[in-house]
Amino acid sequence: MENDDLKKAVALIENGSIDLALPIISGIIKSRIAQKRPNLLDSIDNLTKEMFTKFPKLVLVHL
């Protein structure tokens, strides 16, 4: 499932739809963080949006 979501996000970004890809990327990051540190989920939305807006390709490389 995560792999399919990541593929969708990459396709959206390649087509210039970064705003549509952001919720998908955020979901993937939240899922990964929830597995390791569930107490961090409260602030992850803002952090994800800020990071992804500034460095979309960098965020994708690390996923």
N, C-alpha and C. Protein backbone atom coordinates (compact mmCIF):
# COMPACT_ATOMS: atom_id res chain seq x y z
N MET A 1 0.82 -1.20 0.00
CA MET A 1 0.00 0.00 0.00
C MET A 1 0.87 1.26 0.00
N GLU A 2 1.85 1.31 0.89
CA GLU A 2 2.70 2.49 0.96
C GLU A 2 3.44 2.70 -0.36
N ASN A 3 3.89 1.62 -0.97
CA ASN A 3 4.61 1.72 -2.23
C ASN A 3 3.70 2.30 -3.32
N ASP A 4 2.44 1.88 -3.35
CA ASP A 4 1.49 2.42 -4.33
C ASP A 4 1.25 3.91 -4.09
N ASP A 5 1.11 4.28 -2.82
CA ASP A 5 0.92 5.69 -2.48
C ASP A 5 2.12 6.52 -2.90
N LEU A 6 3.30 5.99 -2.68
CA LEU A 6 4.51 6.71 -3.06
C LEU A 6 4.58 6.90 -4.58
N LYS A 7 4.20 5.88 -5.32
CA LYS A 7 4.18 6.00 -6.78
C LYS A 7 3.19 7.07 -7.23
N LYS A 8 2.02 7.11 -6.58
CA LYS A 8 1.02 8.13 -6.92
C LYS A 8 1.57 9.53 -6.63
N ALA A 9 2.22 9.69 -5.49
CA ALA A 9 2.77 10.98 -5.12
C ALA A 9 3.84 11.43 -6.11
N VAL A 10 4.70 10.53 -6.50
CA VAL A 10 5.75 10.87 -7.46
C VAL A 10 5.13 11.30 -8.79
N ALA A 11 4.12 10.58 -9.24
CA ALA A 11 3.45 10.94 -10.50
C ALA A 11 2.81 12.32 -10.40
N LEU A 12 2.18 12.61 -9.28
CA LEU A 12 1.56 13.92 -9.09
C LEU A 12 2.61 15.03 -9.12
N ILE A 13 3.72 14.80 -8.46
CA ILE A 13 4.79 15.80 -8.42
C ILE A 13 5.37 16.02 -9.81
N GLU A 14 5.58 14.95 -10.53
CA GLU A 14 6.12 15.07 -11.88
C GLU A 14 5.17 15.84 -12.80
N ASN A 15 3.89 15.78 -12.49
CA ASN A 15 2.90 16.52 -13.28
C ASN A 15 2.64 17.91 -12.73
N GLY A 16 3.40 18.32 -11.71
CA GLY A 16 3.28 19.66 -11.17
C GLY A 16 2.19 19.83 -10.11
N SER A 17 1.65 18.74 -9.62
CA SER A 17 0.57 18.81 -8.63
C SER A 17 1.09 18.54 -7.22
N ILE A 18 2.00 19.37 -6.77
CA ILE A 18 2.61 19.18 -5.45
C ILE A 18 1.56 19.26 -4.35
N ASP A 19 0.59 20.15 -4.49
CA ASP A 19 -0.45 20.28 -3.46
C ASP A 19 -1.25 19.00 -3.29
N LEU A 20 -1.47 18.28 -4.37
CA LEU A 20 -2.21 17.01 -4.28
C LEU A 20 -1.35 15.89 -3.72
N ALA A 21 -0.05 15.99 -3.92
CA ALA A 21 0.86 14.95 -3.43
C ALA A 21 1.15 15.10 -1.93
N LEU A 22 1.02 16.30 -1.42
CA LEU A 22 1.36 16.56 -0.02
C LEU A 22 0.61 15.67 0.97
N PRO A 23 -0.71 15.50 0.86
CA PRO A 23 -1.39 14.61 1.82
C PRO A 23 -0.91 13.16 1.76
N ILE A 24 -0.55 12.72 0.58
CA ILE A 24 -0.07 11.35 0.43
C ILE A 24 1.28 11.19 1.13
N ILE A 25 2.18 12.14 0.87
CA ILE A 25 3.49 12.11 1.50
C ILE A 25 3.36 12.23 3.01
N SER A 26 2.50 13.10 3.44
CA SER A 26 2.27 13.28 4.88
C SER A 26 1.78 11.98 5.51
N GLY A 27 0.89 11.30 4.84
CA GLY A 27 0.38 10.03 5.35
C GLY A 27 1.47 8.97 5.48
N ILE A 28 2.35 8.91 4.50
CA ILE A 28 3.45 7.94 4.54
C ILE A 28 4.38 8.26 5.71
N ILE A 29 4.71 9.52 5.85
CA ILE A 29 5.61 9.92 6.94
C ILE A 29 4.96 9.65 8.29
N LYS A 30 3.68 9.98 8.42
CA LYS A 30 2.96 9.72 9.68
C LYS A 30 2.95 8.24 10.02
N SER A 31 2.71 7.43 9.03
CA SER A 31 2.67 5.99 9.25
C SER A 31 4.01 5.48 9.77
N ARG A 32 5.07 5.95 9.15
CA ARG A 32 6.41 5.52 9.58
C ARG A 32 6.74 6.02 10.98
N ILE A 33 6.38 7.24 11.27
CA ILE A 33 6.65 7.80 12.59
C ILE A 33 5.80 7.11 13.65
N ALA A 34 4.55 6.85 13.32
CA ALA A 34 3.64 6.21 14.29
C ALA A 34 4.16 4.86 14.74
N GLN A 35 4.85 4.19 13.86
CA GLN A 35 5.41 2.89 14.20
C GLN A 35 6.55 3.03 15.22
N LYS A 36 7.28 4.11 15.14
CA LYS A 36 8.45 4.27 16.01
C LYS A 36 8.22 5.21 17.19
N ARG A 37 7.51 6.30 16.95
CA ARG A 37 7.31 7.31 18.00
C ARG A 37 5.93 7.95 17.88
N PRO A 38 4.91 7.28 18.36
CA PRO A 38 3.54 7.79 18.20
C PRO A 38 3.29 9.15 18.86
N ASN A 39 4.07 9.51 19.85
CA ASN A 39 3.86 10.80 20.53
C ASN A 39 4.27 12.00 19.68
N LEU A 40 4.91 11.79 18.56
CA LEU A 40 5.35 12.90 17.70
C LEU A 40 4.32 13.29 16.64
N LEU A 41 3.23 12.56 16.55
CA LEU A 41 2.28 12.79 15.46
C LEU A 41 1.60 14.15 15.52
N ASP A 42 1.49 14.74 16.68
CA ASP A 42 0.80 16.03 16.80
C ASP A 42 1.44 17.13 15.96
N SER A 43 2.73 17.18 15.91
CA SER A 43 3.39 18.27 15.20
C SER A 43 3.88 17.88 13.80
N ILE A 44 3.66 16.66 13.39
CA ILE A 44 4.24 16.20 12.13
C ILE A 44 3.59 16.84 10.90
N ASP A 45 2.31 17.20 10.96
CA ASP A 45 1.66 17.83 9.80
C ASP A 45 2.36 19.11 9.38
N ASN A 46 2.60 19.98 10.34
CA ASN A 46 3.25 21.25 10.03
C ASN A 46 4.67 21.05 9.54
N LEU A 47 5.38 20.16 10.18
CA LEU A 47 6.76 19.89 9.78
C LEU A 47 6.81 19.30 8.37
N THR A 48 5.93 18.36 8.09
CA THR A 48 5.90 17.73 6.77
C THR A 48 5.60 18.76 5.68
N LYS A 49 4.59 19.59 5.93
CA LYS A 49 4.22 20.60 4.94
C LYS A 49 5.37 21.55 4.68
N GLU A 50 6.02 22.00 5.73
CA GLU A 50 7.13 22.94 5.58
C GLU A 50 8.30 22.30 4.82
N MET A 51 8.66 21.09 5.20
CA MET A 51 9.78 20.41 4.54
C MET A 51 9.46 20.13 3.08
N PHE A 52 8.26 19.61 2.84
CA PHE A 52 7.90 19.21 1.49
C PHE A 52 7.75 20.41 0.56
N THR A 53 7.25 21.51 1.09
CA THR A 53 7.09 22.71 0.29
C THR A 53 8.45 23.26 -0.14
N LYS A 54 9.41 23.19 0.76
CA LYS A 54 10.73 23.74 0.46
C LYS A 54 11.62 22.76 -0.31
N PHE A 55 11.50 21.46 -0.01
CA PHE A 55 12.41 20.47 -0.58
C PHE A 55 11.67 19.21 -1.03
N PRO A 56 10.77 19.30 -2.02
CA PRO A 56 9.97 18.12 -2.38
C PRO A 56 10.81 16.93 -2.85
N LYS A 57 11.82 17.17 -3.64
CA LYS A 57 12.62 16.05 -4.14
C LYS A 57 13.45 15.42 -3.02
N LEU A 58 13.93 16.23 -2.12
CA LEU A 58 14.71 15.70 -0.99
C LEU A 58 13.85 14.80 -0.12
N VAL A 59 12.61 15.22 0.14
CA VAL A 59 11.70 14.40 0.95
C VAL A 59 11.43 13.08 0.25
N LEU A 60 11.20 13.10 -1.03
CA LEU A 60 10.92 11.86 -1.76
C LEU A 60 12.11 10.92 -1.77
N VAL A 61 13.29 11.46 -1.88
CA VAL A 61 14.49 10.62 -1.88
C VAL A 61 14.61 9.84 -0.58
N HIS A 62 14.24 10.47 0.52
CA HIS A 62 14.36 9.81 1.82
C HIS A 62 13.24 8.84 2.12
N LEU A 63 12.20 8.83 1.30
CA LEU A 63 11.12 7.87 1.49
C LEU A 63 11.48 6.58 0.81
